[in-house]
Amino acid sequence: MRLRTDKLAKMGLLLALGMILSYVEFLFPIAPAMPGVKIGLSNMLVVLLLYSYGMGYGIFYQVSRIILTAVLFGNPFSMVYSLAGAALSMILMWSLKKSRFLDIPGVSMSGGIAHNTGQLVVAYFFVQNTAIAWYIPVLLITGAVSGYVIGMISEILLKRRVL
């Protein structure tokens, strides 16, 4: 992927902002008793990049942010969970954006659900216990709600041409 200087600078700033947002969510979990439940503020930048610059920039941002954040604040398991969720989420959001079937909040909401689904699949792989199925409604509902809110905010920012 060839980056122009201005886009490279923006990507660096967005990556730094994404890491800050991830760190803030790490410091202040919204539901400490439920691991994996987050607002997903840094995913707003994924939606902005997907709609402003395309999938390649979104993937570059996601992979870079996940690896750096896991190295600084997490562990190898958090990186695997996040990469699985991000991969599924990016594929679905890109497909839905391309099809124009949903608006921006709908695409983002679908991405939130897909992200949590990817994480659940990895969690099942590690724990090999069907009891994890009880966690599915919690993560799907929180993924849908936070994804929709992130999508609404992203839509406002895209209309204002923040990138």
N, C-alpha and C. Protein backbone atom coordinates (compact mmCIF):
# COMPACT_ATOMS: atom_id res chain seq x y z
N MET A 1 0.85 -1.17 0.00
CA MET A 1 0.00 0.00 0.00
C MET A 1 0.90 1.23 0.00
N ARG A 2 0.70 2.09 -0.96
CA ARG A 2 1.51 3.30 -1.08
C ARG A 2 0.78 4.46 -0.40
N LEU A 3 1.41 5.05 0.56
CA LEU A 3 0.80 6.15 1.31
C LEU A 3 1.41 7.48 0.88
N ARG A 4 0.55 8.44 0.62
CA ARG A 4 1.04 9.79 0.40
C ARG A 4 1.41 10.39 1.75
N THR A 5 2.25 11.41 1.73
CA THR A 5 2.75 11.99 2.97
C THR A 5 1.63 12.48 3.87
N ASP A 6 0.63 13.17 3.30
CA ASP A 6 -0.45 13.68 4.13
C ASP A 6 -1.28 12.55 4.73
N LYS A 7 -1.52 11.51 3.97
CA LYS A 7 -2.27 10.38 4.50
C LYS A 7 -1.45 9.61 5.52
N LEU A 8 -0.16 9.51 5.30
CA LEU A 8 0.71 8.84 6.26
C LEU A 8 0.69 9.59 7.60
N ALA A 9 0.75 10.91 7.54
CA ALA A 9 0.70 11.71 8.77
C ALA A 9 -0.65 11.53 9.47
N LYS A 10 -1.74 11.55 8.70
CA LYS A 10 -3.06 11.33 9.29
C LYS A 10 -3.17 9.94 9.90
N MET A 11 -2.61 8.94 9.22
CA MET A 11 -2.66 7.57 9.75
C MET A 11 -1.91 7.49 11.07
N GLY A 12 -0.77 8.15 11.16
CA GLY A 12 -0.02 8.16 12.41
C GLY A 12 -0.79 8.81 13.53
N LEU A 13 -1.43 9.93 13.23
CA LEU A 13 -2.25 10.61 14.25
C LEU A 13 -3.45 9.76 14.65
N LEU A 14 -4.10 9.15 13.67
CA LEU A 14 -5.25 8.30 13.97
C LEU A 14 -4.85 7.07 14.78
N LEU A 15 -3.70 6.51 14.46
CA LEU A 15 -3.19 5.37 15.21
C LEU A 15 -2.92 5.76 16.66
N ALA A 16 -2.29 6.91 16.85
CA ALA A 16 -2.03 7.40 18.21
C ALA A 16 -3.35 7.66 18.95
N LEU A 17 -4.30 8.28 18.27
CA LEU A 17 -5.61 8.53 18.89
C LEU A 17 -6.31 7.23 19.22
N GLY A 18 -6.26 6.26 18.32
CA GLY A 18 -6.87 4.96 18.57
C GLY A 18 -6.26 4.26 19.77
N MET A 19 -4.96 4.36 19.91
CA MET A 19 -4.30 3.74 21.06
C MET A 19 -4.69 4.45 22.37
N ILE A 20 -4.82 5.77 22.31
CA ILE A 20 -5.26 6.51 23.50
C ILE A 20 -6.68 6.11 23.88
N LEU A 21 -7.56 6.02 22.89
CA LEU A 21 -8.94 5.61 23.17
C LEU A 21 -8.99 4.19 23.73
N SER A 22 -8.17 3.30 23.19
CA SER A 22 -8.12 1.93 23.71
C SER A 22 -7.62 1.91 25.15
N TYR A 23 -6.63 2.74 25.44
CA TYR A 23 -6.09 2.80 26.79
C TYR A 23 -7.13 3.34 27.77
N VAL A 24 -7.87 4.36 27.35
CA VAL A 24 -8.92 4.92 28.21
C VAL A 24 -9.96 3.85 28.52
N GLU A 25 -10.35 3.08 27.51
CA GLU A 25 -11.31 2.00 27.74
C GLU A 25 -10.73 0.92 28.64
N PHE A 26 -9.44 0.69 28.54
CA PHE A 26 -8.77 -0.27 29.41
C PHE A 26 -8.79 0.21 30.86
N LEU A 27 -8.57 1.51 31.06
CA LEU A 27 -8.54 2.07 32.42
C LEU A 27 -9.92 2.14 33.05
N PHE A 28 -10.94 2.42 32.24
CA PHE A 28 -12.29 2.62 32.75
C PHE A 28 -13.27 1.67 32.06
N PRO A 29 -13.25 0.40 32.43
CA PRO A 29 -14.18 -0.54 31.80
C PRO A 29 -15.62 -0.19 32.17
N ILE A 30 -16.54 -0.33 31.21
CA ILE A 30 -17.93 0.01 31.50
C ILE A 30 -18.63 -1.09 32.28
N ALA A 31 -18.13 -2.31 32.18
CA ALA A 31 -18.73 -3.43 32.91
C ALA A 31 -17.61 -4.37 33.38
N PRO A 32 -16.95 -4.04 34.49
CA PRO A 32 -15.81 -4.84 34.93
C PRO A 32 -16.12 -6.33 35.14
N ALA A 33 -17.36 -6.64 35.48
CA ALA A 33 -17.72 -8.04 35.73
C ALA A 33 -17.89 -8.83 34.43
N MET A 34 -17.95 -8.13 33.30
CA MET A 34 -18.14 -8.79 32.01
C MET A 34 -16.95 -8.50 31.09
N PRO A 35 -15.98 -9.39 31.03
CA PRO A 35 -14.82 -9.16 30.19
C PRO A 35 -15.20 -9.05 28.72
N GLY A 36 -14.54 -8.15 28.03
CA GLY A 36 -14.79 -7.99 26.60
C GLY A 36 -15.84 -6.96 26.26
N VAL A 37 -16.59 -6.49 27.24
CA VAL A 37 -17.63 -5.49 26.98
C VAL A 37 -16.99 -4.11 27.01
N LYS A 38 -16.94 -3.48 25.84
CA LYS A 38 -16.36 -2.15 25.71
C LYS A 38 -17.23 -1.32 24.78
N ILE A 39 -17.08 -0.02 24.85
CA ILE A 39 -17.80 0.86 23.94
C ILE A 39 -17.22 0.73 22.53
N GLY A 40 -15.93 0.59 22.43
CA GLY A 40 -15.29 0.47 21.12
C GLY A 40 -15.00 1.80 20.47
N LEU A 41 -14.58 2.76 21.28
CA LEU A 41 -14.32 4.11 20.75
C LEU A 41 -13.29 4.11 19.62
N SER A 42 -12.28 3.27 19.73
CA SER A 42 -11.25 3.25 18.69
C SER A 42 -11.80 2.68 17.37
N ASN A 43 -12.91 1.96 17.44
CA ASN A 43 -13.51 1.43 16.22
C ASN A 43 -14.19 2.51 15.39
N MET A 44 -14.46 3.66 16.02
CA MET A 44 -14.99 4.79 15.28
C MET A 44 -14.00 5.19 14.18
N LEU A 45 -12.74 5.10 14.48
CA LEU A 45 -11.72 5.46 13.51
C LEU A 45 -11.69 4.47 12.35
N VAL A 46 -12.02 3.22 12.62
CA VAL A 46 -12.11 2.22 11.56
C VAL A 46 -13.22 2.60 10.58
N VAL A 47 -14.36 2.97 11.12
CA VAL A 47 -15.50 3.36 10.28
C VAL A 47 -15.13 4.60 9.46
N LEU A 48 -14.50 5.57 10.10
CA LEU A 48 -14.09 6.79 9.39
C LEU A 48 -13.12 6.46 8.26
N LEU A 49 -12.15 5.61 8.54
CA LEU A 49 -11.17 5.24 7.51
C LEU A 49 -11.82 4.44 6.39
N LEU A 50 -12.69 3.53 6.74
CA LEU A 50 -13.36 2.71 5.73
C LEU A 50 -14.14 3.58 4.75
N TYR A 51 -14.83 4.57 5.26
CA TYR A 51 -15.64 5.43 4.40
C TYR A 51 -14.84 6.56 3.74
N SER A 52 -13.75 6.97 4.35
CA SER A 52 -12.96 8.08 3.79
C SER A 52 -11.86 7.61 2.85
N TYR A 53 -11.16 6.54 3.21
CA TYR A 53 -9.98 6.12 2.44
C TYR A 53 -10.06 4.70 1.89
N GLY A 54 -10.94 3.87 2.41
CA GLY A 54 -11.08 2.51 1.90
C GLY A 54 -10.62 1.45 2.87
N MET A 55 -10.83 0.21 2.47
CA MET A 55 -10.58 -0.93 3.34
C MET A 55 -9.10 -1.09 3.69
N GLY A 56 -8.22 -0.84 2.75
CA GLY A 56 -6.78 -1.01 3.00
C GLY A 56 -6.30 -0.17 4.17
N TYR A 57 -6.75 1.06 4.24
CA TYR A 57 -6.36 1.94 5.34
C TYR A 57 -6.98 1.47 6.66
N GLY A 58 -8.22 0.99 6.58
CA GLY A 58 -8.88 0.46 7.77
C GLY A 58 -8.15 -0.75 8.32
N ILE A 59 -7.73 -1.64 7.44
CA ILE A 59 -7.00 -2.84 7.87
C ILE A 59 -5.65 -2.45 8.46
N PHE A 60 -4.94 -1.55 7.78
CA PHE A 60 -3.63 -1.10 8.28
C PHE A 60 -3.77 -0.52 9.69
N TYR A 61 -4.78 0.33 9.87
CA TYR A 61 -5.02 0.94 11.18
C TYR A 61 -5.35 -0.13 12.23
N GLN A 62 -6.30 -1.01 11.90
CA GLN A 62 -6.74 -2.01 12.87
C GLN A 62 -5.60 -2.91 13.32
N VAL A 63 -4.89 -3.47 12.38
CA VAL A 63 -3.81 -4.40 12.72
C VAL A 63 -2.73 -3.69 13.53
N SER A 64 -2.34 -2.50 13.08
CA SER A 64 -1.31 -1.74 13.80
C SER A 64 -1.75 -1.41 15.22
N ARG A 65 -2.98 -0.92 15.36
CA ARG A 65 -3.48 -0.54 16.68
C ARG A 65 -3.60 -1.75 17.60
N ILE A 66 -4.09 -2.85 17.08
CA ILE A 66 -4.27 -4.04 17.92
C ILE A 66 -2.93 -4.57 18.39
N ILE A 67 -1.97 -4.66 17.51
CA ILE A 67 -0.65 -5.18 17.91
C ILE A 67 0.01 -4.25 18.92
N LEU A 68 0.04 -2.96 18.63
CA LEU A 68 0.68 -2.01 19.55
C LEU A 68 -0.03 -1.95 20.90
N THR A 69 -1.35 -1.95 20.87
CA THR A 69 -2.11 -1.89 22.12
C THR A 69 -1.90 -3.16 22.95
N ALA A 70 -1.86 -4.31 22.29
CA ALA A 70 -1.65 -5.56 23.02
C ALA A 70 -0.26 -5.60 23.64
N VAL A 71 0.73 -5.11 22.91
CA VAL A 71 2.09 -5.09 23.44
C VAL A 71 2.19 -4.14 24.64
N LEU A 72 1.54 -2.98 24.55
CA LEU A 72 1.66 -1.99 25.61
C LEU A 72 0.73 -2.23 26.80
N PHE A 73 -0.53 -2.64 26.54
CA PHE A 73 -1.51 -2.71 27.62
C PHE A 73 -2.11 -4.08 27.84
N GLY A 74 -1.89 -5.00 26.93
CA GLY A 74 -2.58 -6.28 27.02
C GLY A 74 -1.64 -7.45 27.10
N ASN A 75 -2.02 -8.49 26.37
CA ASN A 75 -1.24 -9.72 26.36
C ASN A 75 -1.50 -10.42 25.03
N PRO A 76 -0.79 -11.51 24.77
CA PRO A 76 -0.98 -12.21 23.49
C PRO A 76 -2.42 -12.68 23.27
N PHE A 77 -3.10 -13.08 24.35
CA PHE A 77 -4.48 -13.53 24.20
C PHE A 77 -5.39 -12.39 23.75
N SER A 78 -5.22 -11.21 24.34
CA SER A 78 -6.05 -10.08 23.94
C SER A 78 -5.81 -9.73 22.48
N MET A 79 -4.58 -9.90 22.01
CA MET A 79 -4.27 -9.62 20.61
C MET A 79 -4.98 -10.61 19.70
N VAL A 80 -4.96 -11.87 20.06
CA VAL A 80 -5.62 -12.89 19.23
C VAL A 80 -7.12 -12.65 19.18
N TYR A 81 -7.73 -12.37 20.34
CA TYR A 81 -9.16 -12.07 20.38
C TYR A 81 -9.48 -10.86 19.50
N SER A 82 -8.72 -9.81 19.66
CA SER A 82 -8.98 -8.58 18.91
C SER A 82 -8.77 -8.76 17.41
N LEU A 83 -7.72 -9.47 17.03
CA LEU A 83 -7.47 -9.68 15.59
C LEU A 83 -8.58 -10.50 14.95
N ALA A 84 -9.07 -11.51 15.66
CA ALA A 84 -10.16 -12.33 15.12
C ALA A 84 -11.42 -11.49 14.95
N GLY A 85 -11.75 -10.72 15.97
CA GLY A 85 -12.92 -9.85 15.89
C GLY A 85 -12.78 -8.81 14.80
N ALA A 86 -11.59 -8.21 14.71
CA ALA A 86 -11.36 -7.18 13.70
C ALA A 86 -11.45 -7.73 12.29
N ALA A 87 -10.92 -8.92 12.07
CA ALA A 87 -10.96 -9.52 10.73
C ALA A 87 -12.40 -9.76 10.29
N LEU A 88 -13.19 -10.38 11.16
CA LEU A 88 -14.59 -10.64 10.82
C LEU A 88 -15.36 -9.34 10.64
N SER A 89 -15.11 -8.40 11.51
CA SER A 89 -15.78 -7.11 11.45
C SER A 89 -15.45 -6.35 10.16
N MET A 90 -14.17 -6.30 9.81
CA MET A 90 -13.77 -5.57 8.60
C MET A 90 -14.37 -6.19 7.34
N ILE A 91 -14.37 -7.50 7.26
CA ILE A 91 -14.92 -8.17 6.08
C ILE A 91 -16.41 -7.86 5.94
N LEU A 92 -17.14 -7.95 7.04
CA LEU A 92 -18.57 -7.68 6.99
C LEU A 92 -18.86 -6.21 6.70
N MET A 93 -18.17 -5.30 7.38
CA MET A 93 -18.42 -3.87 7.16
C MET A 93 -18.09 -3.47 5.72
N TRP A 94 -16.98 -3.97 5.20
CA TRP A 94 -16.60 -3.65 3.83
C TRP A 94 -17.66 -4.17 2.85
N SER A 95 -18.13 -5.39 3.07
CA SER A 95 -19.14 -5.98 2.20
C SER A 95 -20.45 -5.19 2.25
N LEU A 96 -20.88 -4.82 3.46
CA LEU A 96 -22.12 -4.07 3.60
C LEU A 96 -21.99 -2.66 3.04
N LYS A 97 -20.85 -2.04 3.25
CA LYS A 97 -20.62 -0.70 2.69
C LYS A 97 -20.69 -0.76 1.17
N LYS A 98 -20.03 -1.75 0.61
CA LYS A 98 -19.98 -1.91 -0.84
C LYS A 98 -21.37 -2.19 -1.41
N SER A 99 -22.18 -2.97 -0.70
CA SER A 99 -23.51 -3.31 -1.19
C SER A 99 -24.50 -2.15 -1.04
N ARG A 100 -24.17 -1.20 -0.17
CA ARG A 100 -25.05 -0.06 0.12
C ARG A 100 -26.41 -0.50 0.67
N PHE A 101 -26.42 -1.67 1.29
CA PHE A 101 -27.65 -2.22 1.87
C PHE A 101 -28.01 -1.49 3.16
N LEU A 102 -27.01 -1.07 3.92
CA LEU A 102 -27.24 -0.39 5.19
C LEU A 102 -26.59 0.99 5.18
N ASP A 103 -27.08 1.87 6.07
CA ASP A 103 -26.44 3.16 6.25
C ASP A 103 -25.23 3.00 7.16
N ILE A 104 -24.53 4.10 7.42
CA ILE A 104 -23.30 4.03 8.22
C ILE A 104 -23.54 3.46 9.62
N PRO A 105 -24.57 3.92 10.36
CA PRO A 105 -24.79 3.30 11.67
C PRO A 105 -25.11 1.80 11.57
N GLY A 106 -25.81 1.39 10.54
CA GLY A 106 -26.12 -0.03 10.36
C GLY A 106 -24.88 -0.85 10.06
N VAL A 107 -24.01 -0.30 9.24
CA VAL A 107 -22.75 -0.98 8.93
C VAL A 107 -21.89 -1.10 10.19
N SER A 108 -21.82 -0.03 10.94
CA SER A 108 -21.03 -0.04 12.18
C SER A 108 -21.62 -1.01 13.20
N MET A 109 -22.94 -1.03 13.32
CA MET A 109 -23.59 -1.96 14.24
C MET A 109 -23.29 -3.41 13.84
N SER A 110 -23.37 -3.70 12.55
CA SER A 110 -23.04 -5.04 12.06
C SER A 110 -21.59 -5.39 12.37
N GLY A 111 -20.71 -4.39 12.25
CA GLY A 111 -19.30 -4.60 12.58
C GLY A 111 -19.10 -4.89 14.06
N GLY A 112 -19.85 -4.21 14.92
CA GLY A 112 -19.76 -4.46 16.36
C GLY A 112 -20.21 -5.87 16.71
N ILE A 113 -21.29 -6.31 16.09
CA ILE A 113 -21.78 -7.67 16.32
C ILE A 113 -20.77 -8.69 15.80
N ALA A 114 -20.25 -8.45 14.59
CA ALA A 114 -19.27 -9.37 14.00
C ALA A 114 -18.00 -9.43 14.84
N HIS A 115 -17.56 -8.28 15.35
CA HIS A 115 -16.35 -8.24 16.18
C HIS A 115 -16.53 -9.14 17.41
N ASN A 116 -17.65 -8.98 18.09
CA ASN A 116 -17.88 -9.80 19.28
C ASN A 116 -18.06 -11.27 18.93
N THR A 117 -18.64 -11.55 17.78
CA THR A 117 -18.80 -12.94 17.34
C THR A 117 -17.43 -13.58 17.10
N GLY A 118 -16.54 -12.85 16.44
CA GLY A 118 -15.19 -13.35 16.21
C GLY A 118 -14.47 -13.64 17.51
N GLN A 119 -14.65 -12.76 18.49
CA GLN A 119 -14.02 -12.98 19.79
C GLN A 119 -14.61 -14.20 20.50
N LEU A 120 -15.90 -14.40 20.37
CA LEU A 120 -16.53 -15.57 20.99
C LEU A 120 -16.04 -16.87 20.37
N VAL A 121 -15.84 -16.87 19.07
CA VAL A 121 -15.32 -18.07 18.41
C VAL A 121 -13.93 -18.40 18.93
N VAL A 122 -13.08 -17.39 19.06
CA VAL A 122 -11.73 -17.61 19.59
C VAL A 122 -11.81 -18.07 21.05
N ALA A 123 -12.70 -17.45 21.82
CA ALA A 123 -12.85 -17.84 23.23
C ALA A 123 -13.27 -19.30 23.33
N TYR A 124 -14.19 -19.73 22.49
CA TYR A 124 -14.60 -21.13 22.52
C TYR A 124 -13.43 -22.05 22.17
N PHE A 125 -12.63 -21.62 21.19
CA PHE A 125 -11.46 -22.41 20.80
C PHE A 125 -10.51 -22.61 21.98
N PHE A 126 -10.32 -21.57 22.80
CA PHE A 126 -9.40 -21.66 23.93
C PHE A 126 -9.99 -22.43 25.11
N VAL A 127 -11.24 -22.18 25.44
CA VAL A 127 -11.80 -22.80 26.65
C VAL A 127 -12.48 -24.14 26.40
N GLN A 128 -12.90 -24.40 25.18
CA GLN A 128 -13.55 -25.67 24.81
C GLN A 128 -14.69 -26.02 25.77
N ASN A 129 -15.54 -25.03 26.04
CA ASN A 129 -16.64 -25.24 26.96
C ASN A 129 -17.89 -24.56 26.40
N THR A 130 -18.96 -25.31 26.27
CA THR A 130 -20.19 -24.74 25.70
C THR A 130 -20.88 -23.75 26.64
N ALA A 131 -20.45 -23.69 27.88
CA ALA A 131 -21.03 -22.72 28.82
C ALA A 131 -20.80 -21.28 28.35
N ILE A 132 -19.86 -21.10 27.47
CA ILE A 132 -19.59 -19.77 26.93
C ILE A 132 -20.79 -19.23 26.15
N ALA A 133 -21.67 -20.12 25.74
CA ALA A 133 -22.87 -19.72 24.99
C ALA A 133 -23.75 -18.77 25.80
N TRP A 134 -23.69 -18.85 27.12
CA TRP A 134 -24.48 -17.94 27.95
C TRP A 134 -24.03 -16.49 27.80
N TYR A 135 -22.84 -16.31 27.33
CA TYR A 135 -22.27 -14.97 27.16
C TYR A 135 -22.66 -14.33 25.82
N ILE A 136 -23.17 -15.14 24.91
CA ILE A 136 -23.50 -14.66 23.57
C ILE A 136 -24.49 -13.49 23.58
N PRO A 137 -25.62 -13.57 24.28
CA PRO A 137 -26.56 -12.44 24.25
C PRO A 137 -25.95 -11.13 24.76
N VAL A 138 -25.15 -11.22 25.81
CA VAL A 138 -24.53 -10.01 26.37
C VAL A 138 -23.64 -9.33 25.33
N LEU A 139 -22.77 -10.11 24.70
CA LEU A 139 -21.84 -9.51 23.74
C LEU A 139 -22.54 -9.07 22.45
N LEU A 140 -23.56 -9.78 22.03
CA LEU A 140 -24.25 -9.38 20.81
C LEU A 140 -25.06 -8.10 21.03
N ILE A 141 -25.71 -8.00 22.17
CA ILE A 141 -26.49 -6.79 22.46
C ILE A 141 -25.56 -5.59 22.64
N THR A 142 -24.50 -5.76 23.42
CA THR A 142 -23.58 -4.63 23.63
C THR A 142 -22.87 -4.27 22.32
N GLY A 143 -22.54 -5.26 21.49
CA GLY A 143 -21.93 -4.98 20.19
C GLY A 143 -22.87 -4.20 19.29
N ALA A 144 -24.15 -4.55 19.32
CA ALA A 144 -25.14 -3.87 18.48
C ALA A 144 -25.34 -2.43 18.95
N VAL A 145 -25.53 -2.25 20.25
CA VAL A 145 -25.79 -0.91 20.78
C VAL A 145 -24.57 0.00 20.60
N SER A 146 -23.42 -0.47 21.03
CA SER A 146 -22.23 0.40 20.91
C SER A 146 -21.87 0.61 19.45
N GLY A 147 -22.03 -0.41 18.61
CA GLY A 147 -21.75 -0.26 17.18
C GLY A 147 -22.64 0.77 16.53
N TYR A 148 -23.91 0.77 16.92
CA TYR A 148 -24.85 1.75 16.34
C TYR A 148 -24.50 3.17 16.78
N VAL A 149 -24.20 3.34 18.06
CA VAL A 149 -23.82 4.67 18.57
C VAL A 149 -22.54 5.16 17.89
N ILE A 150 -21.54 4.28 17.78
CA ILE A 150 -20.29 4.63 17.11
C ILE A 150 -20.58 5.00 15.66
N GLY A 151 -21.49 4.29 15.02
CA GLY A 151 -21.86 4.59 13.64
C GLY A 151 -22.53 5.94 13.49
N MET A 152 -23.39 6.29 14.44
CA MET A 152 -24.06 7.60 14.38
C MET A 152 -23.04 8.73 14.53
N ILE A 153 -22.12 8.56 15.47
CA ILE A 153 -21.08 9.58 15.66
C ILE A 153 -20.20 9.65 14.42
N SER A 154 -19.85 8.51 13.85
CA SER A 154 -19.02 8.47 12.64
C SER A 154 -19.71 9.18 11.49
N GLU A 155 -21.00 8.95 11.35
CA GLU A 155 -21.76 9.59 10.26
C GLU A 155 -21.72 11.11 10.39
N ILE A 156 -21.87 11.61 11.61
CA ILE A 156 -21.79 13.06 11.84
C ILE A 156 -20.40 13.57 11.47
N LEU A 157 -19.36 12.87 11.92
CA LEU A 157 -18.00 13.30 11.63
C LEU A 157 -17.69 13.24 10.13
N LEU A 158 -18.22 12.23 9.44
CA LEU A 158 -17.99 12.12 7.99
C LEU A 158 -18.68 13.26 7.24
N LYS A 159 -19.87 13.65 7.70
CA LYS A 159 -20.57 14.78 7.06
C LYS A 159 -19.80 16.08 7.25
N ARG A 160 -19.07 16.18 8.36
CA ARG A 160 -18.25 17.36 8.62
C ARG A 160 -16.86 17.26 8.01
N ARG A 161 -16.60 16.14 7.34
CA ARG A 161 -15.34 15.89 6.64
C ARG A 161 -14.12 16.06 7.54
N VAL A 162 -14.14 15.35 8.66
CA VAL A 162 -13.03 15.47 9.61
C VAL A 162 -11.74 14.84 9.09
N LEU A 163 -11.84 13.94 8.12
CA LEU A 163 -10.61 13.35 7.56
C LEU A 163 -10.32 13.98 6.24
